[in-house]
Amino acid sequence: MSGHSKWANIKHKKAKADAERGRIFTRIGRELMVAVKHGGPDPNSNLRLKMAIEKARSVNMPNDNIMRVIARASGSQDGADYEELVYEGYGPGGVAVMLEILTDNRNRTAAEIRHIFSRHGGNLGETGCVAWMFSQKGSLVLNRADLSKTPDEAILDALEAGAEDVKEDEDSLQIITDPADFGTVRENLANQGYTFSEAEITRIPQTTVELQGKDAEQMLKLMEELEEQDDVQEVYANFEIPDEVLASLGS
């Protein structure tokens, strides 16, 4: 498993811990609000909202909280007017970094993000500087421990359902789809009894950069601080860190 995949696991565990402090609830609440304003309050006809609701439930956000945010976004109570932005930059070792942002003050957010990059050996770049290194894809993750079939059978089912590719590691299978096919593949597999630990539209790097030593340490610190910045919804990066280096860093 690549170091970047291991970071995804670290990030997932951190999300559970962050939920206890309310930070992740705030972030998901913003996503729910924007999803409703873009596509309406019915998750059956609004895939973005449906995915946001599932993400909220995966970190045990109370259903009352979810419904309250949806009602607020679709009703007469005016919430903050969040702007969707994409920031791009470089981390240590020339790692490409993309950020999806929801903010009600772009000047404040830009200053904070720029400061985080500079503090950890990176820099915020111009629009388009790294976007070409990433492909937008659907991602469905199956935990091996939850499979009722063999991994080979699950891979075949995924491909027959319309997936582009399936990536394996020791703990999970990641099913990759075209964004336009994401909903169909997801529904086909769910109807066969598969359950997903993650289901999202994401950005997958076309190439990766392997990091060692100080660059690896700084990159992990950069990722962690970007994840903790309140206006950052998602962070994507094209780094890999060998397992032995991650172990030596105590990650």
C-alpha atoms as a PDB file:
ATOM      1  CA  MET A   1       0.000   0.000   0.000  1.00  0.00           C
ATOM      2  CA  SER A   2       1.356   3.440  -0.856  1.00  0.00           C
ATOM      3  CA  GLY A   3       2.094   6.031   1.752  1.00  0.00           C
ATOM      4  CA  HIS A   4      -0.612   8.241   0.303  1.00  0.00           C
ATOM      5  CA  SER A   5      -3.146   5.431   0.733  1.00  0.00           C
ATOM      6  CA  LYS A   6      -1.994   5.101   4.306  1.00  0.00           C
ATOM      7  CA  TRP A   7      -2.560   8.847   4.734  1.00  0.00           C
ATOM      8  CA  ALA A   8      -6.165   8.279   3.596  1.00  0.00           C
ATOM      9  CA  ASN A   9      -6.551   5.748   6.410  1.00  0.00           C
ATOM     10  CA  ILE A  10      -4.986   8.150   8.929  1.00  0.00           C
ATOM     11  CA  LYS A  11      -7.326  10.876   7.672  1.00  0.00           C
ATOM     12  CA  HIS A  12     -10.379   8.607   8.080  1.00  0.00           C
ATOM     13  CA  LYS A  13      -9.446   7.832  11.686  1.00  0.00           C
ATOM     14  CA  LYS A  14      -8.843  11.529  12.360  1.00  0.00           C
ATOM     15  CA  ALA A  15     -12.301  12.346  10.996  1.00  0.00           C
ATOM     16  CA  LYS A  16     -13.821  10.088  13.649  1.00  0.00           C
ATOM     17  CA  ALA A  17     -11.846  11.887  16.362  1.00  0.00           C
ATOM     18  CA  ASP A  18     -12.606  15.317  14.911  1.00  0.00           C
ATOM     19  CA  ALA A  19     -16.317  14.485  14.978  1.00  0.00           C
ATOM     20  CA  GLU A  20     -16.123  14.295  18.747  1.00  0.00           C
ATOM     21  CA  ARG A  21     -14.911  17.903  18.785  1.00  0.00           C
ATOM     22  CA  GLY A  22     -17.505  19.085  16.283  1.00  0.00           C
ATOM     23  CA  ARG A  23     -15.066  20.239  13.600  1.00  0.00           C
ATOM     24  CA  ILE A  24     -16.131  17.650  11.052  1.00  0.00           C
ATOM     25  CA  PHE A  25     -19.803  18.399  11.758  1.00  0.00           C
ATOM     26  CA  THR A  26     -19.246  22.036  10.824  1.00  0.00           C
ATOM     27  CA  ARG A  27     -17.480  21.057   7.618  1.00  0.00           C
ATOM     28  CA  ILE A  28     -20.148  18.578   6.574  1.00  0.00           C
ATOM     29  CA  GLY A  29     -22.870  21.061   7.521  1.00  0.00           C
ATOM     30  CA  ARG A  30     -21.449  23.481   4.976  1.00  0.00           C
ATOM     31  CA  GLU A  31     -21.390  20.773   2.329  1.00  0.00           C
ATOM     32  CA  LEU A  32     -25.032  19.904   3.071  1.00  0.00           C
ATOM     33  CA  MET A  33     -26.043  23.563   2.730  1.00  0.00           C
ATOM     34  CA  VAL A  34     -24.259  24.040  -0.587  1.00  0.00           C
ATOM     35  CA  ALA A  35     -25.607  20.748  -1.935  1.00  0.00           C
ATOM     36  CA  VAL A  36     -29.182  21.814  -1.135  1.00  0.00           C
ATOM     37  CA  LYS A  37     -28.733  25.251  -2.692  1.00  0.00           C
ATOM     38  CA  HIS A  38     -27.330  23.694  -5.883  1.00  0.00           C
ATOM     39  CA  GLY A  39     -29.681  20.752  -6.300  1.00  0.00           C
ATOM     40  CA  GLY A  40     -32.606  21.039  -3.900  1.00  0.00           C
ATOM     41  CA  PRO A  41     -33.496  19.283  -0.631  1.00  0.00           C
ATOM     42  CA  ASP A  42     -34.454  15.852  -2.023  1.00  0.00           C
ATOM     43  CA  PRO A  43     -31.514  13.396  -1.827  1.00  0.00           C
ATOM     44  CA  ASN A  44     -33.274  11.060  -4.278  1.00  0.00           C
ATOM     45  CA  SER A  45     -32.793  13.608  -7.056  1.00  0.00           C
ATOM     46  CA  ASN A  46     -29.682  15.333  -5.679  1.00  0.00           C
ATOM     47  CA  LEU A  47     -26.691  12.972  -5.709  1.00  0.00           C
ATOM     48  CA  ARG A  48     -24.396  15.518  -4.085  1.00  0.00           C
ATOM     49  CA  LEU A  49     -26.783  15.891  -1.165  1.00  0.00           C
ATOM     50  CA  LYS A  50     -27.218  12.120  -0.887  1.00  0.00           C
ATOM     51  CA  MET A  51     -23.440  11.676  -0.655  1.00  0.00           C
ATOM     52  CA  ALA A  52     -23.144  14.472   1.901  1.00  0.00           C
ATOM     53  CA  ILE A  53     -25.828  12.847   4.057  1.00  0.00           C
ATOM     54  CA  GLU A  54     -24.011   9.521   3.899  1.00  0.00           C
ATOM     55  CA  LYS A  55     -20.740  11.211   4.848  1.00  0.00           C
ATOM     56  CA  ALA A  56     -22.479  12.865   7.792  1.00  0.00           C
ATOM     57  CA  ARG A  57     -23.893   9.560   8.982  1.00  0.00           C
ATOM     58  CA  SER A  58     -20.513   7.822   8.599  1.00  0.00           C
ATOM     59  CA  VAL A  59     -19.121  10.083  11.340  1.00  0.00           C
ATOM     60  CA  ASN A  60     -22.251   9.708  13.488  1.00  0.00           C
ATOM     61  CA  MET A  61     -23.671  13.171  12.889  1.00  0.00           C
ATOM     62  CA  PRO A  62     -27.150  13.077  14.507  1.00  0.00           C
ATOM     63  CA  ASN A  63     -30.012  12.846  12.041  1.00  0.00           C
ATOM     64  CA  ASP A  64     -31.718  15.834  13.696  1.00  0.00           C
ATOM     65  CA  ASN A  65     -28.639  17.918  12.906  1.00  0.00           C
ATOM     66  CA  ILE A  66     -28.662  16.769   9.280  1.00  0.00           C
ATOM     67  CA  MET A  67     -32.357  17.555   8.817  1.00  0.00           C
ATOM     68  CA  ARG A  68     -31.961  20.940  10.533  1.00  0.00           C
ATOM     69  CA  VAL A  69     -29.187  21.978   8.135  1.00  0.00           C
ATOM     70  CA  ILE A  70     -31.196  20.838   5.103  1.00  0.00           C
ATOM     71  CA  ALA A  71     -34.282  22.722   6.311  1.00  0.00           C
ATOM     72  CA  ARG A  72     -32.206  25.819   6.945  1.00  0.00           C
ATOM     73  CA  ALA A  73     -30.665  25.685   3.463  1.00  0.00           C
ATOM     74  CA  SER A  74     -33.994  25.131   1.703  1.00  0.00           C
ATOM     75  CA  GLY A  75     -36.240  27.280   3.890  1.00  0.00           C
ATOM     76  CA  SER A  76     -36.565  30.885   4.904  1.00  0.00           C
ATOM     77  CA  GLN A  77     -33.622  30.926   7.324  1.00  0.00           C
ATOM     78  CA  ASP A  78     -30.718  32.461   5.473  1.00  0.00           C
ATOM     79  CA  GLY A  79     -27.347  30.967   6.313  1.00  0.00           C
ATOM     80  CA  ALA A  80     -23.923  32.172   5.331  1.00  0.00           C
ATOM     81  CA  ASP A  81     -23.350  32.496   1.588  1.00  0.00           C
ATOM     82  CA  TYR A  82     -20.489  30.061   0.989  1.00  0.00           C
ATOM     83  CA  GLU A  83     -18.331  30.357  -2.111  1.00  0.00           C
ATOM     84  CA  GLU A  84     -16.813  27.252  -3.695  1.00  0.00           C
ATOM     85  CA  LEU A  85     -13.150  27.612  -4.632  1.00  0.00           C
ATOM     86  CA  VAL A  86     -10.273  25.398  -5.724  1.00  0.00           C
ATOM     87  CA  TYR A  87      -6.755  26.279  -4.559  1.00  0.00           C
ATOM     88  CA  GLU A  88      -3.630  24.716  -6.029  1.00  0.00           C
ATOM     89  CA  GLY A  89      -0.063  24.626  -4.828  1.00  0.00           C
ATOM     90  CA  TYR A  90       3.080  22.658  -4.156  1.00  0.00           C
ATOM     91  CA  GLY A  91       4.255  20.840  -1.069  1.00  0.00           C
ATOM     92  CA  PRO A  92       7.758  19.699  -0.086  1.00  0.00           C
ATOM     93  CA  GLY A  93       9.595  17.814  -2.817  1.00  0.00           C
ATOM     94  CA  GLY A  94       7.403  19.323  -5.534  1.00  0.00           C
ATOM     95  CA  VAL A  95       4.261  17.445  -4.457  1.00  0.00           C
ATOM     96  CA  ALA A  96       1.125  18.702  -6.229  1.00  0.00           C
ATOM     97  CA  VAL A  97      -1.676  19.748  -3.871  1.00  0.00           C
ATOM     98  CA  MET A  98      -5.293  20.643  -4.648  1.00  0.00           C
ATOM     99  CA  LEU A  99      -7.804  21.991  -2.138  1.00  0.00           C
ATOM    100  CA  GLU A 100     -11.582  22.222  -2.384  1.00  0.00           C
ATOM    101  CA  ILE A 101     -12.748  25.199  -0.338  1.00  0.00           C
ATOM    102  CA  LEU A 102     -16.066  26.486   1.006  1.00  0.00           C
ATOM    103  CA  THR A 103     -15.694  29.957   2.462  1.00  0.00           C
ATOM    104  CA  ASP A 104     -17.665  33.078   3.280  1.00  0.00           C
ATOM    105  CA  ASN A 105     -14.499  35.211   3.177  1.00  0.00           C
ATOM    106  CA  ARG A 106     -12.094  34.341   0.364  1.00  0.00           C
ATOM    107  CA  ASN A 107      -9.465  36.913   1.402  1.00  0.00           C
ATOM    108  CA  ARG A 108      -9.196  35.493   4.916  1.00  0.00           C
ATOM    109  CA  THR A 109      -9.057  31.940   3.622  1.00  0.00           C
ATOM    110  CA  ALA A 110      -6.402  32.672   0.999  1.00  0.00           C
ATOM    111  CA  ALA A 111      -4.168  34.328   3.593  1.00  0.00           C
ATOM    112  CA  GLU A 112      -4.522  31.415   6.013  1.00  0.00           C
ATOM    113  CA  ILE A 113      -3.887  28.767   3.341  1.00  0.00           C
ATOM    114  CA  ARG A 114      -0.847  30.637   2.020  1.00  0.00           C
ATOM    115  CA  HIS A 115       0.563  30.824   5.545  1.00  0.00           C
ATOM    116  CA  ILE A 116       0.066  27.073   6.105  1.00  0.00           C
ATOM    117  CA  PHE A 117       1.875  26.231   2.867  1.00  0.00           C
ATOM    118  CA  SER A 118       4.835  28.494   3.618  1.00  0.00           C
ATOM    119  CA  ARG A 119       5.167  27.194   7.184  1.00  0.00           C
ATOM    120  CA  HIS A 120       5.637  23.626   5.940  1.00  0.00           C
ATOM    121  CA  GLY A 121       7.952  24.023   2.959  1.00  0.00           C
ATOM    122  CA  GLY A 122       5.349  24.589   0.249  1.00  0.00           C
ATOM    123  CA  ASN A 123       3.740  27.430  -1.636  1.00  0.00           C
ATOM    124  CA  LEU A 124       0.289  28.353  -2.919  1.00  0.00           C
ATOM    125  CA  GLY A 125       0.289  28.456  -6.725  1.00  0.00           C
ATOM    126  CA  GLU A 126      -1.707  29.933  -9.566  1.00  0.00           C
ATOM    127  CA  THR A 127      -4.976  28.503 -10.848  1.00  0.00           C
ATOM    128  CA  GLY A 128      -4.258  25.563 -13.150  1.00  0.00           C
ATOM    129  CA  CYS A 129      -0.711  24.937 -11.982  1.00  0.00           C
ATOM    130  CA  VAL A 130      -1.376  21.361 -10.814  1.00  0.00           C
ATOM    131  CA  ALA A 131      -4.982  20.590 -11.828  1.00  0.00           C
ATOM    132  CA  TRP A 132      -3.768  18.809 -14.957  1.00  0.00           C
ATOM    133  CA  MET A 133      -2.034  16.210 -12.752  1.00  0.00           C
ATOM    134  CA  PHE A 134      -5.353  14.981 -11.320  1.00  0.00           C
ATOM    135  CA  SER A 135      -8.335  13.191 -12.869  1.00  0.00           C
ATOM    136  CA  GLN A 136     -11.805  13.508 -11.364  1.00  0.00           C
ATOM    137  CA  LYS A 137     -13.152  10.028 -10.674  1.00  0.00           C
ATOM    138  CA  GLY A 138     -15.775   8.209  -8.660  1.00  0.00           C
ATOM    139  CA  SER A 139     -14.325   6.148  -5.817  1.00  0.00           C
ATOM    140  CA  LEU A 140     -16.080   3.317  -3.968  1.00  0.00           C
ATOM    141  CA  VAL A 141     -14.132   1.539  -1.221  1.00  0.00           C
ATOM    142  CA  LEU A 142     -14.922  -1.986  -0.013  1.00  0.00           C
ATOM    143  CA  ASN A 143     -13.299  -3.324   3.146  1.00  0.00           C
ATOM    144  CA  ARG A 144     -11.996  -6.827   2.551  1.00  0.00           C
ATOM    145  CA  ALA A 145     -13.199  -7.882   6.003  1.00  0.00           C
ATOM    146  CA  ASP A 146     -16.796  -7.005   5.042  1.00  0.00           C
ATOM    147  CA  LEU A 147     -16.892  -8.939   1.772  1.00  0.00           C
ATOM    148  CA  SER A 148     -19.265 -11.887   1.517  1.00  0.00           C
ATOM    149  CA  LYS A 149     -17.552 -12.936  -1.725  1.00  0.00           C
ATOM    150  CA  THR A 150     -13.915 -13.435  -2.629  1.00  0.00           C
ATOM    151  CA  PRO A 151     -11.961 -10.326  -3.718  1.00  0.00           C
ATOM    152  CA  ASP A 152     -11.714 -11.729  -7.255  1.00  0.00           C
ATOM    153  CA  GLU A 153     -15.509 -12.117  -7.405  1.00  0.00           C
ATOM    154  CA  ALA A 154     -15.981  -8.576  -6.065  1.00  0.00           C
ATOM    155  CA  ILE A 155     -13.606  -7.195  -8.696  1.00  0.00           C
ATOM    156  CA  LEU A 156     -15.508  -9.017 -11.455  1.00  0.00           C
ATOM    157  CA  ASP A 157     -18.829  -7.708 -10.131  1.00  0.00           C
ATOM    158  CA  ALA A 158     -17.440  -4.158 -10.092  1.00  0.00           C
ATOM    159  CA  LEU A 159     -16.169  -4.351 -13.656  1.00  0.00           C
ATOM    160  CA  GLU A 160     -19.436  -5.859 -14.867  1.00  0.00           C
ATOM    161  CA  ALA A 161     -21.294  -3.024 -13.103  1.00  0.00           C
ATOM    162  CA  GLY A 162     -19.372  -0.506 -15.203  1.00  0.00           C
ATOM    163  CA  ALA A 163     -16.270   0.331 -13.142  1.00  0.00           C
ATOM    164  CA  GLU A 164     -13.157   1.515 -14.991  1.00  0.00           C
ATOM    165  CA  ASP A 165     -10.664  -0.126 -12.643  1.00  0.00           C
ATOM    166  CA  VAL A 166     -10.220  -1.715  -9.214  1.00  0.00           C
ATOM    167  CA  LYS A 167      -7.156  -1.050  -7.049  1.00  0.00           C
ATOM    168  CA  GLU A 168      -6.232  -3.513  -4.310  1.00  0.00           C
ATOM    169  CA  ASP A 169      -4.345  -3.286  -1.036  1.00  0.00           C
ATOM    170  CA  GLU A 170      -4.187  -5.565   1.975  1.00  0.00           C
ATOM    171  CA  ASP A 171      -7.280  -4.068   3.639  1.00  0.00           C
ATOM    172  CA  SER A 172      -9.574  -2.876   0.879  1.00  0.00           C
ATOM    173  CA  LEU A 173     -10.628  -2.666  -2.758  1.00  0.00           C
ATOM    174  CA  GLN A 174     -10.993   0.772  -4.355  1.00  0.00           C
ATOM    175  CA  ILE A 175     -13.411   0.792  -7.277  1.00  0.00           C
ATOM    176  CA  ILE A 176     -12.730   3.587  -9.776  1.00  0.00           C
ATOM    177  CA  THR A 177     -15.474   4.924 -12.047  1.00  0.00           C
ATOM    178  CA  ASP A 178     -16.074   7.695 -14.510  1.00  0.00           C
ATOM    179  CA  PRO A 179     -17.897  10.449 -12.562  1.00  0.00           C
ATOM    180  CA  ALA A 180     -20.884  10.119 -14.889  1.00  0.00           C
ATOM    181  CA  ASP A 181     -21.156   6.386 -14.091  1.00  0.00           C
ATOM    182  CA  PHE A 182     -20.591   6.713 -10.345  1.00  0.00           C
ATOM    183  CA  GLY A 183     -24.261   6.604  -9.331  1.00  0.00           C
ATOM    184  CA  THR A 184     -25.076   3.668 -11.592  1.00  0.00           C
ATOM    185  CA  VAL A 185     -22.093   1.563 -10.480  1.00  0.00           C
ATOM    186  CA  ARG A 186     -22.773   2.364  -6.860  1.00  0.00           C
ATOM    187  CA  GLU A 187     -26.454   1.398  -7.136  1.00  0.00           C
ATOM    188  CA  ASN A 188     -25.710  -1.809  -9.065  1.00  0.00           C
ATOM    189  CA  LEU A 189     -23.242  -2.992  -6.435  1.00  0.00           C
ATOM    190  CA  ALA A 190     -25.438  -1.910  -3.522  1.00  0.00           C
ATOM    191  CA  ASN A 191     -28.281  -3.977  -5.018  1.00  0.00           C
ATOM    192  CA  GLN A 192     -25.920  -6.977  -4.923  1.00  0.00           C
ATOM    193  CA  GLY A 193     -25.384  -6.474  -1.202  1.00  0.00           C
ATOM    194  CA  TYR A 194     -22.097  -4.567  -1.212  1.00  0.00           C
ATOM    195  CA  THR A 195     -21.590  -1.848   1.412  1.00  0.00           C
ATOM    196  CA  PHE A 196     -19.010   0.895   1.040  1.00  0.00           C
ATOM    197  CA  SER A 197     -16.742   2.363   3.686  1.00  0.00           C
ATOM    198  CA  GLU A 198     -16.287   5.382   1.393  1.00  0.00           C
ATOM    199  CA  ALA A 199     -18.236   6.568  -1.642  1.00  0.00           C
ATOM    200  CA  GLU A 200     -17.290   9.884  -3.227  1.00  0.00           C
ATOM    201  CA  ILE A 201     -16.305  11.837  -6.286  1.00  0.00           C
ATOM    202  CA  THR A 202     -12.607  12.491  -5.813  1.00  0.00           C
ATOM    203  CA  ARG A 203      -9.441  13.569  -7.613  1.00  0.00           C
ATOM    204  CA  ILE A 204      -6.874  10.866  -8.349  1.00  0.00           C
ATOM    205  CA  PRO A 205      -3.279  11.794  -9.256  1.00  0.00           C
ATOM    206  CA  GLN A 206      -1.982  10.564 -12.607  1.00  0.00           C
ATOM    207  CA  THR A 207       1.584  10.327 -11.274  1.00  0.00           C
ATOM    208  CA  THR A 208       3.063  10.311  -7.771  1.00  0.00           C
ATOM    209  CA  VAL A 209       6.145  11.657  -6.007  1.00  0.00           C
ATOM    210  CA  GLU A 210       7.947   9.466  -3.459  1.00  0.00           C
ATOM    211  CA  LEU A 211       9.086  11.332  -0.362  1.00  0.00           C
ATOM    212  CA  GLN A 212      11.787  10.506   2.167  1.00  0.00           C
ATOM    213  CA  GLY A 213      13.224  12.094   5.313  1.00  0.00           C
ATOM    214  CA  LYS A 214      12.463  15.740   6.026  1.00  0.00           C
ATOM    215  CA  ASP A 215      10.265  16.153   2.945  1.00  0.00           C
ATOM    216  CA  ALA A 216       8.049  13.278   4.118  1.00  0.00           C
ATOM    217  CA  GLU A 217       7.785  14.702   7.617  1.00  0.00           C
ATOM    218  CA  GLN A 218       6.942  18.196   6.365  1.00  0.00           C
ATOM    219  CA  MET A 219       4.392  16.846   3.883  1.00  0.00           C
ATOM    220  CA  LEU A 220       2.504  14.982   6.591  1.00  0.00           C
ATOM    221  CA  LYS A 221       2.461  18.108   8.760  1.00  0.00           C
ATOM    222  CA  LEU A 222       1.241  20.172   5.791  1.00  0.00           C
ATOM    223  CA  MET A 223      -1.550  17.691   5.052  1.00  0.00           C
ATOM    224  CA  GLU A 224      -2.634  17.569   8.681  1.00  0.00           C
ATOM    225  CA  GLU A 225      -2.796  21.343   9.056  1.00  0.00           C
ATOM    226  CA  LEU A 226      -4.634  21.800   5.755  1.00  0.00           C
ATOM    227  CA  GLU A 227      -7.158  19.144   6.837  1.00  0.00           C
ATOM    228  CA  GLU A 228      -7.719  21.056  10.082  1.00  0.00           C
ATOM    229  CA  GLN A 229      -8.305  24.437   8.413  1.00  0.00           C
ATOM    230  CA  ASP A 230     -12.024  25.155   8.803  1.00  0.00           C
ATOM    231  CA  ASP A 231     -12.682  26.254   5.203  1.00  0.00           C
ATOM    232  CA  VAL A 232     -10.972  23.255   3.576  1.00  0.00           C
ATOM    233  CA  GLN A 233     -13.436  20.573   2.492  1.00  0.00           C
ATOM    234  CA  GLU A 234     -11.029  18.204   0.725  1.00  0.00           C
ATOM    235  CA  VAL A 235      -7.265  17.913   0.215  1.00  0.00           C
ATOM    236  CA  TYR A 236      -5.712  15.977  -2.678  1.00  0.00           C
ATOM    237  CA  ALA A 237      -1.991  15.386  -3.182  1.00  0.00           C
ATOM    238  CA  ASN A 238       0.196  13.139  -5.337  1.00  0.00           C
ATOM    239  CA  PHE A 239       2.749  11.952  -2.777  1.00  0.00           C
ATOM    240  CA  GLU A 240       3.777   8.489  -1.687  1.00  0.00           C
ATOM    241  CA  ILE A 241       5.757   7.677   1.446  1.00  0.00           C
ATOM    242  CA  PRO A 242       7.276   4.187   1.864  1.00  0.00           C
ATOM    243  CA  ASP A 243       5.868   2.180   4.757  1.00  0.00           C
ATOM    244  CA  GLU A 244       9.189   2.088   6.584  1.00  0.00           C
ATOM    245  CA  VAL A 245       9.461   5.886   6.422  1.00  0.00           C
ATOM    246  CA  LEU A 246       5.928   6.299   7.731  1.00  0.00           C
ATOM    247  CA  ALA A 247       6.756   3.910  10.560  1.00  0.00           C
ATOM    248  CA  SER A 248       9.892   5.872  11.436  1.00  0.00           C
ATOM    249  CA  LEU A 249       7.830   9.069  11.586  1.00  0.00           C
ATOM    250  CA  GLY A 250       5.373   7.440  13.971  1.00  0.00           C
ATOM    251  CA  SER A 251       2.369   7.911  11.650  1.00  0.00           C
END
